[in-house]
Amino acid sequence: MTATILNRLNREQMAWRAAQDIAGGAYVNLGIGMPEMVANHVTPERQVVFHSENGILGLGPVAAKGAEDFDLVTAGKKPATVLPGAAYFDSALSFAMIRGGHLDIAVLGAFQVSRTGDLANWSTGNASVTPAVGGAMDLAQGARRVFVLTTHTDRDGAPKIVEACTYPLTATAIVTTVYTDLAVIDITPDGPVVRELIGGLDMDGLQALTGPRLTPAADFRVLTAPVL
């Protein structure tokens, strides 16, 4: 059972927190699911350019309810918007951008992240569910940095940050930072380092929900987010 922690971040707050670490002018791919929400929390003034592997550069926030255009969707088939100056292109050019190392950051979901930054995000090995890796392997290898946006534990309360992944790998040693509903954790050569932790939860409490040994950062602080 997952421990009851009253002030866990919700999905929108998690997306907001990840967005704060994206520098202005960065080229960023947003993976399917919660990562797509990150675009809602980056203002146009920061001039972040969002990429979608189905062929969009200049992706905007998720389309508001009632204003959807189903001819304009993300790679996850969700209604999207585009910003002025956006470009459309085919999948071959889109993946040339990814594989050519032209993306600064990929924001991806995860089933598991290991202490060394291995990523498993395309299959749990469940025979009743059809696995679909999509562009995740290309993104994980091609982006200069990989942010993972995920809940800290799965539905059964098992840690998603583990000593070693037990699910099929997407890529090895590529995750740089994990943003969960409890903490911001950097993956370093010395293992996971906790940069921020929600109020009301101490390091021992977080450690109990995490596989590998955690270390607090030198500038460790409380993780706060606006009401969203």
C-alpha atoms as a PDB file:
ATOM      1  CA  MET A   1       0.000   0.000   0.000  1.00  0.00           C
ATOM      2  CA  THR A   2       1.173   3.529  -0.806  1.00  0.00           C
ATOM      3  CA  ALA A   3       1.829   5.642   2.277  1.00  0.00           C
ATOM      4  CA  THR A   4      -0.674   8.463   2.873  1.00  0.00           C
ATOM      5  CA  ILE A   5       1.140  11.742   2.369  1.00  0.00           C
ATOM      6  CA  LEU A   6      -1.273  14.637   2.358  1.00  0.00           C
ATOM      7  CA  ASN A   7       0.727  17.226   0.458  1.00  0.00           C
ATOM      8  CA  ARG A   8       1.964  15.213  -2.524  1.00  0.00           C
ATOM      9  CA  LEU A   9       2.152  17.356  -5.657  1.00  0.00           C
ATOM     10  CA  ASN A  10      -0.624  16.802  -8.174  1.00  0.00           C
ATOM     11  CA  ARG A  11       0.134  16.178 -11.861  1.00  0.00           C
ATOM     12  CA  GLU A  12      -0.143  19.847 -12.821  1.00  0.00           C
ATOM     13  CA  GLN A  13       2.211  20.879 -10.017  1.00  0.00           C
ATOM     14  CA  MET A  14       4.712  18.204 -11.038  1.00  0.00           C
ATOM     15  CA  ALA A  15       4.648  19.502 -14.608  1.00  0.00           C
ATOM     16  CA  TRP A  16       5.073  23.059 -13.311  1.00  0.00           C
ATOM     17  CA  ARG A  17       8.119  22.079 -11.259  1.00  0.00           C
ATOM     18  CA  ALA A  18       9.839  20.379 -14.189  1.00  0.00           C
ATOM     19  CA  ALA A  19       9.135  23.438 -16.346  1.00  0.00           C
ATOM     20  CA  GLN A  20      11.077  25.662 -13.941  1.00  0.00           C
ATOM     21  CA  ASP A  21      14.340  23.876 -14.822  1.00  0.00           C
ATOM     22  CA  ILE A  22      13.998  24.470 -18.568  1.00  0.00           C
ATOM     23  CA  ALA A  23      16.189  27.371 -19.628  1.00  0.00           C
ATOM     24  CA  GLY A  24      14.983  30.012 -22.042  1.00  0.00           C
ATOM     25  CA  GLY A  25      15.777  29.237 -25.663  1.00  0.00           C
ATOM     26  CA  ALA A  26      15.971  25.462 -25.091  1.00  0.00           C
ATOM     27  CA  TYR A  27      14.705  22.952 -27.646  1.00  0.00           C
ATOM     28  CA  VAL A  28      12.614  20.408 -25.747  1.00  0.00           C
ATOM     29  CA  ASN A  29      10.657  17.263 -26.600  1.00  0.00           C
ATOM     30  CA  LEU A  30       7.696  16.399 -24.394  1.00  0.00           C
ATOM     31  CA  GLY A  31       6.872  12.710 -24.084  1.00  0.00           C
ATOM     32  CA  ILE A  32       3.385  11.250 -24.141  1.00  0.00           C
ATOM     33  CA  GLY A  33       1.266  11.658 -21.003  1.00  0.00           C
ATOM     34  CA  MET A  34       2.124  13.915 -18.084  1.00  0.00           C
ATOM     35  CA  PRO A  35       5.205  15.411 -19.814  1.00  0.00           C
ATOM     36  CA  GLU A  36       2.887  17.046 -22.372  1.00  0.00           C
ATOM     37  CA  MET A  37       1.530  19.224 -19.531  1.00  0.00           C
ATOM     38  CA  VAL A  38       4.923  20.924 -19.110  1.00  0.00           C
ATOM     39  CA  ALA A  39       4.151  23.241 -22.051  1.00  0.00           C
ATOM     40  CA  ASN A  40       1.285  24.730 -20.013  1.00  0.00           C
ATOM     41  CA  HIS A  41       3.806  26.212 -17.574  1.00  0.00           C
ATOM     42  CA  VAL A  42       6.361  27.889 -19.844  1.00  0.00           C
ATOM     43  CA  THR A  43       5.523  31.457 -20.845  1.00  0.00           C
ATOM     44  CA  PRO A  44       6.194  32.602 -24.440  1.00  0.00           C
ATOM     45  CA  GLU A  45       8.698  35.179 -23.132  1.00  0.00           C
ATOM     46  CA  ARG A  46      11.109  32.356 -22.254  1.00  0.00           C
ATOM     47  CA  GLN A  47      11.210  31.349 -25.943  1.00  0.00           C
ATOM     48  CA  VAL A  48      11.398  27.617 -25.218  1.00  0.00           C
ATOM     49  CA  VAL A  49      10.810  25.682 -28.441  1.00  0.00           C
ATOM     50  CA  PHE A  50       8.833  22.491 -27.933  1.00  0.00           C
ATOM     51  CA  HIS A  51       9.234  19.599 -30.364  1.00  0.00           C
ATOM     52  CA  SER A  52       6.765  16.789 -31.040  1.00  0.00           C
ATOM     53  CA  GLU A  53       8.106  13.742 -32.865  1.00  0.00           C
ATOM     54  CA  ASN A  54       5.067  13.535 -35.115  1.00  0.00           C
ATOM     55  CA  GLY A  55       6.428  16.629 -36.863  1.00  0.00           C
ATOM     56  CA  ILE A  56       5.952  19.905 -34.992  1.00  0.00           C
ATOM     57  CA  LEU A  57       8.501  22.468 -33.860  1.00  0.00           C
ATOM     58  CA  GLY A  58       6.952  25.308 -31.876  1.00  0.00           C
ATOM     59  CA  LEU A  59       4.338  23.342 -29.960  1.00  0.00           C
ATOM     60  CA  GLY A  60       2.205  25.428 -27.596  1.00  0.00           C
ATOM     61  CA  PRO A  61       0.120  24.547 -24.539  1.00  0.00           C
ATOM     62  CA  VAL A  62      -2.493  21.791 -24.568  1.00  0.00           C
ATOM     63  CA  ALA A  63      -5.639  23.011 -26.367  1.00  0.00           C
ATOM     64  CA  ALA A  64      -8.345  24.396 -24.092  1.00  0.00           C
ATOM     65  CA  LYS A  65     -11.583  22.459 -23.837  1.00  0.00           C
ATOM     66  CA  GLY A  66     -13.902  23.569 -26.618  1.00  0.00           C
ATOM     67  CA  ALA A  67     -11.039  24.954 -28.717  1.00  0.00           C
ATOM     68  CA  GLU A  68      -9.601  21.638 -29.902  1.00  0.00           C
ATOM     69  CA  ASP A  69      -8.555  21.113 -33.520  1.00  0.00           C
ATOM     70  CA  PHE A  70      -8.185  17.369 -34.060  1.00  0.00           C
ATOM     71  CA  ASP A  71      -6.095  17.980 -37.176  1.00  0.00           C
ATOM     72  CA  LEU A  72      -3.471  19.437 -34.827  1.00  0.00           C
ATOM     73  CA  VAL A  73      -2.371  16.873 -32.250  1.00  0.00           C
ATOM     74  CA  THR A  74       0.695  15.829 -30.284  1.00  0.00           C
ATOM     75  CA  ALA A  75       2.476  12.512 -30.702  1.00  0.00           C
ATOM     76  CA  GLY A  76       0.106  11.264 -28.000  1.00  0.00           C
ATOM     77  CA  LYS A  77      -2.878  12.248 -30.194  1.00  0.00           C
ATOM     78  CA  LYS A  78      -3.987  14.999 -27.818  1.00  0.00           C
ATOM     79  CA  PRO A  79      -5.298  18.281 -29.264  1.00  0.00           C
ATOM     80  CA  ALA A  80      -2.473  20.811 -29.260  1.00  0.00           C
ATOM     81  CA  THR A  81      -1.726  24.421 -30.104  1.00  0.00           C
ATOM     82  CA  VAL A  82       1.240  25.985 -31.871  1.00  0.00           C
ATOM     83  CA  LEU A  83       3.036  29.277 -31.327  1.00  0.00           C
ATOM     84  CA  PRO A  84       3.761  31.907 -34.004  1.00  0.00           C
ATOM     85  CA  GLY A  85       6.609  30.712 -36.227  1.00  0.00           C
ATOM     86  CA  ALA A  86       5.868  27.007 -35.701  1.00  0.00           C
ATOM     87  CA  ALA A  87       6.930  24.536 -38.392  1.00  0.00           C
ATOM     88  CA  TYR A  88       5.489  21.228 -39.586  1.00  0.00           C
ATOM     89  CA  PHE A  89       7.503  18.432 -41.196  1.00  0.00           C
ATOM     90  CA  ASP A  90       7.554  14.686 -41.767  1.00  0.00           C
ATOM     91  CA  SER A  91       8.685  12.011 -39.329  1.00  0.00           C
ATOM     92  CA  ALA A  92      11.985  11.467 -41.136  1.00  0.00           C
ATOM     93  CA  LEU A  93      13.060  15.063 -40.502  1.00  0.00           C
ATOM     94  CA  SER A  94      11.666  14.957 -36.969  1.00  0.00           C
ATOM     95  CA  PHE A  95      13.760  11.925 -36.048  1.00  0.00           C
ATOM     96  CA  ALA A  96      16.795  13.389 -37.799  1.00  0.00           C
ATOM     97  CA  MET A  97      16.531  16.268 -35.325  1.00  0.00           C
ATOM     98  CA  ILE A  98      16.310  13.807 -32.420  1.00  0.00           C
ATOM     99  CA  ARG A  99      19.064  11.437 -33.544  1.00  0.00           C
ATOM    100  CA  GLY A 100      21.287  14.311 -34.616  1.00  0.00           C
ATOM    101  CA  GLY A 101      21.556  15.623 -31.054  1.00  0.00           C
ATOM    102  CA  HIS A 102      19.612  18.843 -31.702  1.00  0.00           C
ATOM    103  CA  LEU A 103      17.341  18.603 -28.648  1.00  0.00           C
ATOM    104  CA  ASP A 104      18.516  20.101 -25.375  1.00  0.00           C
ATOM    105  CA  ILE A 105      16.040  18.196 -23.197  1.00  0.00           C
ATOM    106  CA  ALA A 106      13.597  15.301 -23.472  1.00  0.00           C
ATOM    107  CA  VAL A 107      10.921  15.113 -20.772  1.00  0.00           C
ATOM    108  CA  LEU A 108       9.728  11.507 -20.464  1.00  0.00           C
ATOM    109  CA  GLY A 109       7.589   9.347 -18.215  1.00  0.00           C
ATOM    110  CA  ALA A 110       8.955   6.218 -16.541  1.00  0.00           C
ATOM    111  CA  PHE A 111       8.077   2.900 -14.980  1.00  0.00           C
ATOM    112  CA  GLN A 112      11.523   2.711 -13.370  1.00  0.00           C
ATOM    113  CA  VAL A 113      14.744   4.728 -13.110  1.00  0.00           C
ATOM    114  CA  SER A 114      17.870   3.088 -11.704  1.00  0.00           C
ATOM    115  CA  ARG A 115      20.460   4.649  -9.404  1.00  0.00           C
ATOM    116  CA  THR A 116      22.770   5.058 -12.425  1.00  0.00           C
ATOM    117  CA  GLY A 117      20.134   6.703 -14.622  1.00  0.00           C
ATOM    118  CA  ASP A 118      18.940   3.687 -16.611  1.00  0.00           C
ATOM    119  CA  LEU A 119      15.404   4.249 -17.918  1.00  0.00           C
ATOM    120  CA  ALA A 120      12.571   1.738 -18.328  1.00  0.00           C
ATOM    121  CA  ASN A 121       9.459   3.377 -19.728  1.00  0.00           C
ATOM    122  CA  TRP A 122       7.985   1.258 -22.515  1.00  0.00           C
ATOM    123  CA  SER A 123       7.040  -2.135 -21.066  1.00  0.00           C
ATOM    124  CA  THR A 124       6.362  -3.769 -17.714  1.00  0.00           C
ATOM    125  CA  GLY A 125       6.452  -7.207 -19.292  1.00  0.00           C
ATOM    126  CA  ASN A 126       2.698  -7.605 -18.721  1.00  0.00           C
ATOM    127  CA  ALA A 127       1.565 -10.001 -21.455  1.00  0.00           C
ATOM    128  CA  SER A 128      -1.950  -8.526 -21.427  1.00  0.00           C
ATOM    129  CA  VAL A 129      -0.700  -5.073 -22.421  1.00  0.00           C
ATOM    130  CA  THR A 130       0.755  -4.387 -25.852  1.00  0.00           C
ATOM    131  CA  PRO A 131       4.114  -2.617 -25.362  1.00  0.00           C
ATOM    132  CA  ALA A 132       4.868   0.411 -27.528  1.00  0.00           C
ATOM    133  CA  VAL A 133       8.272   2.036 -27.334  1.00  0.00           C
ATOM    134  CA  GLY A 134       7.414   4.765 -29.865  1.00  0.00           C
ATOM    135  CA  GLY A 135      10.191   7.346 -30.104  1.00  0.00           C
ATOM    136  CA  ALA A 136      11.348   6.934 -26.496  1.00  0.00           C
ATOM    137  CA  MET A 137      14.579   5.092 -27.314  1.00  0.00           C
ATOM    138  CA  ASP A 138      15.585   7.711 -29.882  1.00  0.00           C
ATOM    139  CA  LEU A 139      14.716  10.567 -27.525  1.00  0.00           C
ATOM    140  CA  ALA A 140      16.544   9.046 -24.576  1.00  0.00           C
ATOM    141  CA  GLN A 141      19.716   8.619 -26.622  1.00  0.00           C
ATOM    142  CA  GLY A 142      19.480  11.779 -28.708  1.00  0.00           C
ATOM    143  CA  ALA A 143      18.636  14.503 -26.184  1.00  0.00           C
ATOM    144  CA  ARG A 144      21.456  16.189 -24.292  1.00  0.00           C
ATOM    145  CA  ARG A 145      19.550  15.879 -21.003  1.00  0.00           C
ATOM    146  CA  VAL A 146      16.665  13.617 -19.978  1.00  0.00           C
ATOM    147  CA  PHE A 147      14.143  14.746 -17.375  1.00  0.00           C
ATOM    148  CA  VAL A 148      11.793  12.085 -15.995  1.00  0.00           C
ATOM    149  CA  LEU A 149       8.357  13.117 -14.743  1.00  0.00           C
ATOM    150  CA  THR A 150       6.628  10.385 -12.740  1.00  0.00           C
ATOM    151  CA  THR A 151       5.003   9.524  -9.427  1.00  0.00           C
ATOM    152  CA  HIS A 152       7.493   8.428  -6.776  1.00  0.00           C
ATOM    153  CA  THR A 153       5.871   5.010  -6.368  1.00  0.00           C
ATOM    154  CA  ASP A 154       3.618   2.821  -8.498  1.00  0.00           C
ATOM    155  CA  ARG A 155      -0.009   2.012  -7.687  1.00  0.00           C
ATOM    156  CA  ASP A 156       1.080  -0.772  -5.356  1.00  0.00           C
ATOM    157  CA  GLY A 157       3.472   1.505  -3.465  1.00  0.00           C
ATOM    158  CA  ALA A 158       6.630   0.015  -4.976  1.00  0.00           C
ATOM    159  CA  PRO A 159       9.494   2.475  -5.655  1.00  0.00           C
ATOM    160  CA  LYS A 160       9.968   3.713  -9.205  1.00  0.00           C
ATOM    161  CA  ILE A 161      13.509   4.845  -8.382  1.00  0.00           C
ATOM    162  CA  VAL A 162      15.287   1.531  -7.966  1.00  0.00           C
ATOM    163  CA  GLU A 163      18.749   0.079  -7.498  1.00  0.00           C
ATOM    164  CA  ALA A 164      18.512  -1.690 -10.872  1.00  0.00           C
ATOM    165  CA  CYS A 165      15.620  -1.749 -13.354  1.00  0.00           C
ATOM    166  CA  THR A 166      13.696  -5.008 -13.582  1.00  0.00           C
ATOM    167  CA  TYR A 167      11.623  -3.912 -16.580  1.00  0.00           C
ATOM    168  CA  PRO A 168      12.949  -3.876 -20.174  1.00  0.00           C
ATOM    169  CA  LEU A 169      15.301  -0.927 -20.629  1.00  0.00           C
ATOM    170  CA  THR A 170      14.705   2.035 -22.898  1.00  0.00           C
ATOM    171  CA  ALA A 171      18.278   3.338 -22.513  1.00  0.00           C
ATOM    172  CA  THR A 172      21.147   3.125 -20.055  1.00  0.00           C
ATOM    173  CA  ALA A 173      22.689   5.873 -17.910  1.00  0.00           C
ATOM    174  CA  ILE A 174      20.804   8.763 -19.535  1.00  0.00           C
ATOM    175  CA  VAL A 175      18.434  10.216 -16.897  1.00  0.00           C
ATOM    176  CA  THR A 176      19.706  13.465 -15.416  1.00  0.00           C
ATOM    177  CA  THR A 177      16.834  14.524 -13.117  1.00  0.00           C
ATOM    178  CA  VAL A 178      13.667  12.890 -11.776  1.00  0.00           C
ATOM    179  CA  TYR A 179      10.648  15.031 -10.821  1.00  0.00           C
ATOM    180  CA  THR A 180       8.133  13.186  -8.652  1.00  0.00           C
ATOM    181  CA  ASP A 181       5.147  14.072  -6.515  1.00  0.00           C
ATOM    182  CA  LEU A 182       7.500  14.060  -3.506  1.00  0.00           C
ATOM    183  CA  ALA A 183      10.915  15.313  -4.597  1.00  0.00           C
ATOM    184  CA  VAL A 184      13.340  16.584  -7.201  1.00  0.00           C
ATOM    185  CA  ILE A 185      16.221  14.126  -7.506  1.00  0.00           C
ATOM    186  CA  ASP A 186      19.356  14.539  -9.611  1.00  0.00           C
ATOM    187  CA  ILE A 187      21.041  11.376 -10.863  1.00  0.00           C
ATOM    188  CA  THR A 188      24.783  11.825 -10.352  1.00  0.00           C
ATOM    189  CA  PRO A 189      27.867   9.588 -10.679  1.00  0.00           C
ATOM    190  CA  ASP A 190      27.608   9.123  -6.901  1.00  0.00           C
ATOM    191  CA  GLY A 191      23.952   8.077  -7.045  1.00  0.00           C
ATOM    192  CA  PRO A 192      20.628   9.907  -6.547  1.00  0.00           C
ATOM    193  CA  VAL A 193      20.901  13.312  -4.863  1.00  0.00           C
ATOM    194  CA  VAL A 194      17.778  14.929  -3.419  1.00  0.00           C
ATOM    195  CA  ARG A 195      17.656  18.583  -4.385  1.00  0.00           C
ATOM    196  CA  GLU A 196      14.126  19.331  -3.125  1.00  0.00           C
ATOM    197  CA  LEU A 197      11.642  17.492  -0.874  1.00  0.00           C
ATOM    198  CA  ILE A 198       8.032  18.339  -0.049  1.00  0.00           C
ATOM    199  CA  GLY A 199       7.302  19.771   3.379  1.00  0.00           C
ATOM    200  CA  GLY A 200       6.124  17.322   6.018  1.00  0.00           C
ATOM    201  CA  LEU A 201       8.301  14.489   4.706  1.00  0.00           C
ATOM    202  CA  ASP A 202      11.857  13.954   5.913  1.00  0.00           C
ATOM    203  CA  MET A 203      14.737  12.133   4.249  1.00  0.00           C
ATOM    204  CA  ASP A 204      14.036   8.935   6.173  1.00  0.00           C
ATOM    205  CA  GLY A 205      10.441   8.970   4.947  1.00  0.00           C
ATOM    206  CA  LEU A 206      11.551   9.487   1.360  1.00  0.00           C
ATOM    207  CA  GLN A 207      14.205   6.796   1.689  1.00  0.00           C
ATOM    208  CA  ALA A 208      11.533   4.290   2.743  1.00  0.00           C
ATOM    209  CA  LEU A 209       9.811   4.900  -0.609  1.00  0.00           C
ATOM    210  CA  THR A 210      13.003   4.682  -2.684  1.00  0.00           C
ATOM    211  CA  GLY A 211      15.221   1.763  -3.686  1.00  0.00           C
ATOM    212  CA  PRO A 212      18.810   3.094  -3.781  1.00  0.00           C
ATOM    213  CA  ARG A 213      20.482   5.127  -1.060  1.00  0.00           C
ATOM    214  CA  LEU A 214      19.655   8.833  -1.257  1.00  0.00           C
ATOM    215  CA  THR A 215      21.927  11.766  -0.433  1.00  0.00           C
ATOM    216  CA  PRO A 216      20.697  15.319   0.273  1.00  0.00           C
ATOM    217  CA  ALA A 217      22.181  18.028  -1.925  1.00  0.00           C
ATOM    218  CA  ALA A 218      24.430  20.689  -0.426  1.00  0.00           C
ATOM    219  CA  ASP A 219      21.723  23.259  -1.292  1.00  0.00           C
ATOM    220  CA  PHE A 220      18.824  20.958  -0.289  1.00  0.00           C
ATOM    221  CA  ARG A 221      15.550  22.813   0.190  1.00  0.00           C
ATOM    222  CA  VAL A 222      11.773  22.341   0.579  1.00  0.00           C
ATOM    223  CA  LEU A 223       9.870  21.612  -2.632  1.00  0.00           C
ATOM    224  CA  THR A 224       7.008  24.087  -3.040  1.00  0.00           C
ATOM    225  CA  ALA A 225       4.578  24.633  -5.900  1.00  0.00           C
ATOM    226  CA  PRO A 226       1.688  27.018  -6.546  1.00  0.00           C
ATOM    227  CA  VAL A 227      -1.898  25.890  -6.146  1.00  0.00           C
ATOM    228  CA  LEU A 228      -2.825  24.383  -9.502  1.00  0.00           C
END
